[in-house]
C-alpha atoms as a PDB file:
ATOM      1  CA  MET A   1      82.036 -10.529 133.949  1.00  0.00           C
ATOM      2  CA  ARG A   2      83.673 -11.453 130.718  1.00  0.00           C
ATOM      3  CA  VAL A   3      86.330 -13.226 132.669  1.00  0.00           C
ATOM      4  CA  LEU A   4      83.748 -15.252 134.519  1.00  0.00           C
ATOM      5  CA  LEU A   5      81.986 -16.150 131.317  1.00  0.00           C
ATOM      6  CA  SER A   6      85.231 -17.266 129.733  1.00  0.00           C
ATOM      7  CA  LEU A   7      86.022 -19.452 132.788  1.00  0.00           C
ATOM      8  CA  ALA A   8      82.572 -21.044 132.793  1.00  0.00           C
ATOM      9  CA  PRO A   9      83.334 -23.586 129.998  1.00  0.00           C
ATOM     10  CA  ILE A  10      86.567 -24.604 131.755  1.00  0.00           C
ATOM     11  CA  LEU A  11      84.728 -25.081 135.027  1.00  0.00           C
ATOM     12  CA  ALA A  12      82.018 -27.067 133.230  1.00  0.00           C
ATOM     13  CA  LEU A  13      84.617 -29.369 131.690  1.00  0.00           C
ATOM     14  CA  ALA A  14      86.392 -29.830 134.998  1.00  0.00           C
ATOM     15  CA  SER A  15      83.166 -30.908 136.633  1.00  0.00           C
ATOM     16  CA  CYS A  16      82.698 -33.672 133.986  1.00  0.00           C
ATOM     17  CA  VAL A  17      85.717 -35.642 135.177  1.00  0.00           C
ATOM     18  CA  ALA A  18      84.674 -38.667 137.119  1.00  0.00           C
ATOM     19  CA  PRO A  19      85.602 -38.584 140.728  1.00  0.00           C
ATOM     20  CA  THR A  20      88.358 -41.001 141.716  1.00  0.00           C
ATOM     21  CA  ALA A  21      87.204 -44.172 143.386  1.00  0.00           C
ATOM     22  CA  PRO A  22      88.108 -44.496 147.001  1.00  0.00           C
ATOM     23  CA  SER A  23      90.967 -46.925 147.533  1.00  0.00           C
ATOM     24  CA  ARG A  24      90.000 -50.384 148.732  1.00  0.00           C
ATOM     25  CA  PRO A  25      91.032 -51.458 152.171  1.00  0.00           C
ATOM     26  CA  ALA A  26      93.798 -54.065 152.295  1.00  0.00           C
ATOM     27  CA  PRO A  27      92.421 -57.622 152.274  1.00  0.00           C
ATOM     28  CA  ILE A  28      92.304 -59.311 155.632  1.00  0.00           C
ATOM     29  CA  PRO A  29      94.326 -62.553 155.568  1.00  0.00           C
ATOM     30  CA  VAL A  30      92.122 -65.578 156.097  1.00  0.00           C
ATOM     31  CA  GLN A  31      93.309 -67.914 158.804  1.00  0.00           C
ATOM     32  CA  ARG A  32      92.672 -71.385 157.438  1.00  0.00           C
ATOM     33  CA  PRO A  33      93.120 -74.405 159.642  1.00  0.00           C
ATOM     34  CA  VAL A  34      95.900 -76.768 158.663  1.00  0.00           C
ATOM     35  CA  TYR A  35      94.363 -79.876 157.151  1.00  0.00           C
ATOM     36  CA  THR A  36      95.551 -83.147 158.550  1.00  0.00           C
ATOM     37  CA  PRO A  37      93.916 -86.159 156.984  1.00  0.00           C
ATOM     38  CA  PRO A  38      92.380 -88.638 159.391  1.00  0.00           C
ATOM     39  CA  PRO A  39      94.358 -91.847 159.881  1.00  0.00           C
ATOM     40  CA  ARG A  40      93.501 -94.515 157.348  1.00  0.00           C
ATOM     41  CA  PRO A  41      91.902 -97.463 159.049  1.00  0.00           C
ATOM     42  CA  ALA A  42      93.291-100.854 158.166  1.00  0.00           C
ATOM     43  CA  ALA A  43      91.158-102.237 155.415  1.00  0.00           C
ATOM     44  CA  THR A  44      89.438-105.518 155.985  1.00  0.00           C
ATOM     45  CA  PRO A  45      89.021-107.955 153.093  1.00  0.00           C
ATOM     46  CA  ALA A  46      85.293-107.163 152.819  1.00  0.00           C
ATOM     47  CA  ALA A  47      85.980-103.413 152.709  1.00  0.00           C
ATOM     48  CA  LYS A  48      88.889-103.658 150.292  1.00  0.00           C
ATOM     49  CA  GLY A  49      86.960-104.566 147.198  1.00  0.00           C
ATOM     50  CA  ALA A  50      87.038-107.460 144.819  1.00  0.00           C
ATOM     51  CA  ASP A  51      90.606-107.286 143.458  1.00  0.00           C
ATOM     52  CA  TRP A  52      93.314-107.738 146.087  1.00  0.00           C
ATOM     53  CA  ARG A  53      95.853-105.998 143.822  1.00  0.00           C
ATOM     54  CA  ASP A  54      93.997-102.739 144.507  1.00  0.00           C
ATOM     55  CA  TRP A  55      93.995-103.084 148.303  1.00  0.00           C
ATOM     56  CA  PRO A  56      96.133-100.586 150.234  1.00  0.00           C
ATOM     57  CA  VAL A  57      99.565-101.862 151.245  1.00  0.00           C
ATOM     58  CA  THR A  58     100.132-102.636 154.918  1.00  0.00           C
ATOM     59  CA  PRO A  59     102.218 -99.785 156.409  1.00  0.00           C
ATOM     60  CA  GLY A  60     105.902-100.589 156.714  1.00  0.00           C
ATOM     61  CA  ASP A  61     109.193-101.070 154.903  1.00  0.00           C
ATOM     62  CA  TRP A  62     111.517-103.991 154.209  1.00  0.00           C
ATOM     63  CA  VAL A  63     114.955-104.063 155.866  1.00  0.00           C
ATOM     64  CA  TYR A  64     117.670-106.590 154.890  1.00  0.00           C
ATOM     65  CA  ARG A  65     120.332-107.867 157.298  1.00  0.00           C
ATOM     66  CA  GLN A  66     122.932-110.612 157.468  1.00  0.00           C
ATOM     67  CA  ASP A  67     123.816-112.499 160.618  1.00  0.00           C
ATOM     68  CA  GLY A  68     125.507-115.711 161.742  1.00  0.00           C
ATOM     69  CA  ARG A  69     122.585-117.907 160.598  1.00  0.00           C
ATOM     70  CA  GLY A  70     122.318-116.387 157.117  1.00  0.00           C
ATOM     71  CA  SER A  71     120.215-113.403 156.149  1.00  0.00           C
ATOM     72  CA  ILE A  72     116.867-111.954 157.085  1.00  0.00           C
ATOM     73  CA  ALA A  73     114.426-109.466 155.601  1.00  0.00           C
ATOM     74  CA  LEU A  74     112.105-107.792 158.084  1.00  0.00           C
ATOM     75  CA  PHE A  75     108.910-105.996 157.101  1.00  0.00           C
ATOM     76  CA  GLY A  76     107.167-103.565 159.403  1.00  0.00           C
ATOM     77  CA  VAL A  77     107.057-100.088 160.850  1.00  0.00           C
ATOM     78  CA  ARG A  78     110.440 -98.857 162.032  1.00  0.00           C
ATOM     79  CA  GLY A  79     110.833 -98.892 165.784  1.00  0.00           C
ATOM     80  CA  ALA A  80     108.363-101.743 166.258  1.00  0.00           C
ATOM     81  CA  ASP A  81     108.665-105.520 166.080  1.00  0.00           C
ATOM     82  CA  ALA A  82     108.591-106.849 162.520  1.00  0.00           C
ATOM     83  CA  THR A  83     105.167-107.728 161.166  1.00  0.00           C
ATOM     84  CA  LEU A  84     106.648-110.240 158.721  1.00  0.00           C
ATOM     85  CA  THR A  85     110.094-111.812 158.332  1.00  0.00           C
ATOM     86  CA  LEU A  86     111.773-113.901 155.679  1.00  0.00           C
ATOM     87  CA  ARG A  87     114.883-115.714 156.976  1.00  0.00           C
ATOM     88  CA  CYS A  88     117.490-117.798 155.207  1.00  0.00           C
ATOM     89  CA  ASP A  89     118.794-120.362 157.696  1.00  0.00           C
ATOM     90  CA  ARG A  90     121.805-121.848 155.907  1.00  0.00           C
ATOM     91  CA  ALA A  91     122.423-124.554 158.501  1.00  0.00           C
ATOM     92  CA  ALA A  92     118.836-125.819 158.155  1.00  0.00           C
ATOM     93  CA  GLY A  93     118.843-125.301 154.376  1.00  0.00           C
ATOM     94  CA  ALA A  94     115.470-123.560 154.575  1.00  0.00           C
ATOM     95  CA  VAL A  95     113.769-120.219 154.222  1.00  0.00           C
ATOM     96  CA  TYR A  96     111.353-119.343 157.021  1.00  0.00           C
ATOM     97  CA  LEU A  97     108.427-116.988 156.465  1.00  0.00           C
ATOM     98  CA  SER A  98     107.100-115.711 159.802  1.00  0.00           C
ATOM     99  CA  ARG A  99     104.381-113.291 160.781  1.00  0.00           C
ATOM    100  CA  ALA A 100     103.651-111.823 164.180  1.00  0.00           C
ATOM    101  CA  GLY A 101     100.989-113.840 165.947  1.00  0.00           C
ATOM    102  CA  LEU A 102     100.191-116.241 168.726  1.00  0.00           C
ATOM    103  CA  ALA A 103      98.564-119.642 168.350  1.00  0.00           C
ATOM    104  CA  THR A 104      98.568-122.912 170.272  1.00  0.00           C
ATOM    105  CA  GLY A 105      98.933-125.106 167.202  1.00  0.00           C
ATOM    106  CA  PRO A 106      99.259-125.092 163.421  1.00  0.00           C
ATOM    107  CA  VAL A 107      97.307-122.408 161.542  1.00  0.00           C
ATOM    108  CA  PRO A 108      96.806-122.274 157.757  1.00  0.00           C
ATOM    109  CA  MET A 109      98.720-119.435 156.061  1.00  0.00           C
ATOM    110  CA  THR A 110      97.557-118.519 152.557  1.00  0.00           C
ATOM    111  CA  ILE A 111     100.033-116.661 150.349  1.00  0.00           C
ATOM    112  CA  ARG A 112      98.621-115.049 147.219  1.00  0.00           C
ATOM    113  CA  THR A 113     100.832-113.544 144.507  1.00  0.00           C
ATOM    114  CA  SER A 114     100.014-112.335 141.008  1.00  0.00           C
ATOM    115  CA  THR A 115     100.911-115.805 139.661  1.00  0.00           C
ATOM    116  CA  LEU A 116     100.400-118.252 142.528  1.00  0.00           C
ATOM    117  CA  LEU A 117      98.113-119.141 145.416  1.00  0.00           C
ATOM    118  CA  ARG A 118      99.445-121.486 148.091  1.00  0.00           C
ATOM    119  CA  THR A 119      98.223-122.476 151.562  1.00  0.00           C
ATOM    120  CA  LEU A 120     100.838-123.723 154.020  1.00  0.00           C
ATOM    121  CA  SER A 121     100.643-124.751 157.670  1.00  0.00           C
ATOM    122  CA  ALA A 122     102.207-122.183 160.013  1.00  0.00           C
ATOM    123  CA  ALA A 123     103.365-123.259 163.454  1.00  0.00           C
ATOM    124  CA  PRO A 124     104.176-121.138 166.514  1.00  0.00           C
ATOM    125  CA  THR A 125     107.898-120.422 166.868  1.00  0.00           C
ATOM    126  CA  GLY A 126     107.830-120.272 170.672  1.00  0.00           C
ATOM    127  CA  GLY A 127     109.838-117.058 170.726  1.00  0.00           C
ATOM    128  CA  THR A 128     109.225-113.650 172.224  1.00  0.00           C
ATOM    129  CA  PRO A 129     107.564-111.804 170.599  1.00  0.00           C
ATOM    130  CA  PRO A 130     105.423-114.664 169.267  1.00  0.00           C
ATOM    131  CA  TYR A 131     105.495-115.526 165.556  1.00  0.00           C
ATOM    132  CA  LEU A 132     103.867-118.125 163.320  1.00  0.00           C
ATOM    133  CA  ALA A 133     106.272-119.585 160.748  1.00  0.00           C
ATOM    134  CA  VAL A 134     106.349-121.812 157.690  1.00  0.00           C
ATOM    135  CA  SER A 135     109.417-123.520 156.278  1.00  0.00           C
ATOM    136  CA  ILE A 136     109.968-123.168 152.526  1.00  0.00           C
ATOM    137  CA  ALA A 137     112.613-124.957 150.461  1.00  0.00           C
ATOM    138  CA  PRO A 138     115.046-122.422 148.939  1.00  0.00           C
ATOM    139  CA  ARG A 139     114.269-123.527 145.358  1.00  0.00           C
ATOM    140  CA  GLU A 140     110.480-123.422 145.880  1.00  0.00           C
ATOM    141  CA  SER A 141     108.731-121.379 143.164  1.00  0.00           C
ATOM    142  CA  LEU A 142     106.633-119.649 145.837  1.00  0.00           C
ATOM    143  CA  LEU A 143     109.655-117.553 146.845  1.00  0.00           C
ATOM    144  CA  ASP A 144     110.140-116.304 143.280  1.00  0.00           C
ATOM    145  CA  ALA A 145     106.408-115.640 142.969  1.00  0.00           C
ATOM    146  CA  MET A 146     106.545-113.487 146.117  1.00  0.00           C
ATOM    147  CA  GLY A 147     109.611-111.566 144.950  1.00  0.00           C
ATOM    148  CA  PHE A 148     108.314-110.940 141.448  1.00  0.00           C
ATOM    149  CA  SER A 149     104.617-110.471 142.210  1.00  0.00           C
ATOM    150  CA  ARG A 150     103.251-107.317 140.573  1.00  0.00           C
ATOM    151  CA  GLY A 151     103.910-104.797 143.299  1.00  0.00           C
ATOM    152  CA  ARG A 152     102.497-106.808 146.192  1.00  0.00           C
ATOM    153  CA  PHE A 153     101.445-110.130 147.591  1.00  0.00           C
ATOM    154  CA  ILE A 154      99.117-110.953 150.454  1.00  0.00           C
ATOM    155  CA  ILE A 155      99.219-113.217 153.470  1.00  0.00           C
ATOM    156  CA  GLU A 156      95.925-114.360 154.948  1.00  0.00           C
ATOM    157  CA  GLN A 157      95.336-116.335 158.130  1.00  0.00           C
ATOM    158  CA  PRO A 158      92.096-116.918 160.008  1.00  0.00           C
ATOM    159  CA  GLY A 159      91.889-114.660 163.053  1.00  0.00           C
ATOM    160  CA  TYR A 160      94.629-112.283 161.873  1.00  0.00           C
ATOM    161  CA  PRO A 161      94.543-109.158 159.725  1.00  0.00           C
ATOM    162  CA  THR A 162      95.402-109.686 156.065  1.00  0.00           C
ATOM    163  CA  LEU A 163      98.890-108.425 155.238  1.00  0.00           C
ATOM    164  CA  VAL A 164      99.286-106.691 151.877  1.00  0.00           C
ATOM    165  CA  VAL A 165     103.057-106.728 151.479  1.00  0.00           C
ATOM    166  CA  PRO A 166     105.107-104.872 148.847  1.00  0.00           C
ATOM    167  CA  ALA A 167     107.254-107.155 146.676  1.00  0.00           C
ATOM    168  CA  TRP A 168     110.640-105.507 147.165  1.00  0.00           C
ATOM    169  CA  ALA A 169     114.149-106.736 146.331  1.00  0.00           C
ATOM    170  CA  GLU A 170     114.833-107.884 149.904  1.00  0.00           C
ATOM    171  CA  ILE A 171     112.700-110.984 149.288  1.00  0.00           C
ATOM    172  CA  GLU A 172     114.899-112.109 146.395  1.00  0.00           C
ATOM    173  CA  ARG A 173     118.095-111.217 148.259  1.00  0.00           C
ATOM    174  CA  VAL A 174     117.200-113.620 151.077  1.00  0.00           C
ATOM    175  CA  THR A 175     116.069-116.264 148.576  1.00  0.00           C
ATOM    176  CA  GLU A 176     119.318-116.038 146.593  1.00  0.00           C
ATOM    177  CA  ASP A 177     121.388-116.179 149.798  1.00  0.00           C
ATOM    178  CA  CYS A 178     119.847-119.585 150.542  1.00  0.00           C
ATOM    179  CA  ARG A 179     120.297-120.892 147.003  1.00  0.00           C
ATOM    180  CA  ARG A 180     124.073-120.486 147.017  1.00  0.00           C
END
């Protein structure tokens, strides 16, 4: 009995130890759907806000090329017809700004840069695909204003979506080609 009495305090101490917590089950991985943002609709002037310099840029990139007539910068989505072109025609001594579009006669084309606002008369080119073009003298300040506009310039025409075009180096390359 003495042995049992001497073991009693040890047994009492052993029973004071907190039982170990059961291990947690492994977390179940959550299958989350892959988020794909909805396509951005083309902004209309009324939806774009008051300051055109904050409007989203029209999707596309500039590409510069040289050919037998001079040089050309094309703006648009790769794999599609150019939305906008700027061509140096050395034989004609002119720079032509053209946008995709069809009309039966002259249509006003307003070009807005960070330093200039100019409205010109665009005429159908008669080509396929159809374009509306304006002729600009190579030394015209409008070309420099387009090339050096703060990040973008816009082209507006009645009946056509407004183009918000990035002011990249290709514009000045074509302009300088015609000034030589």
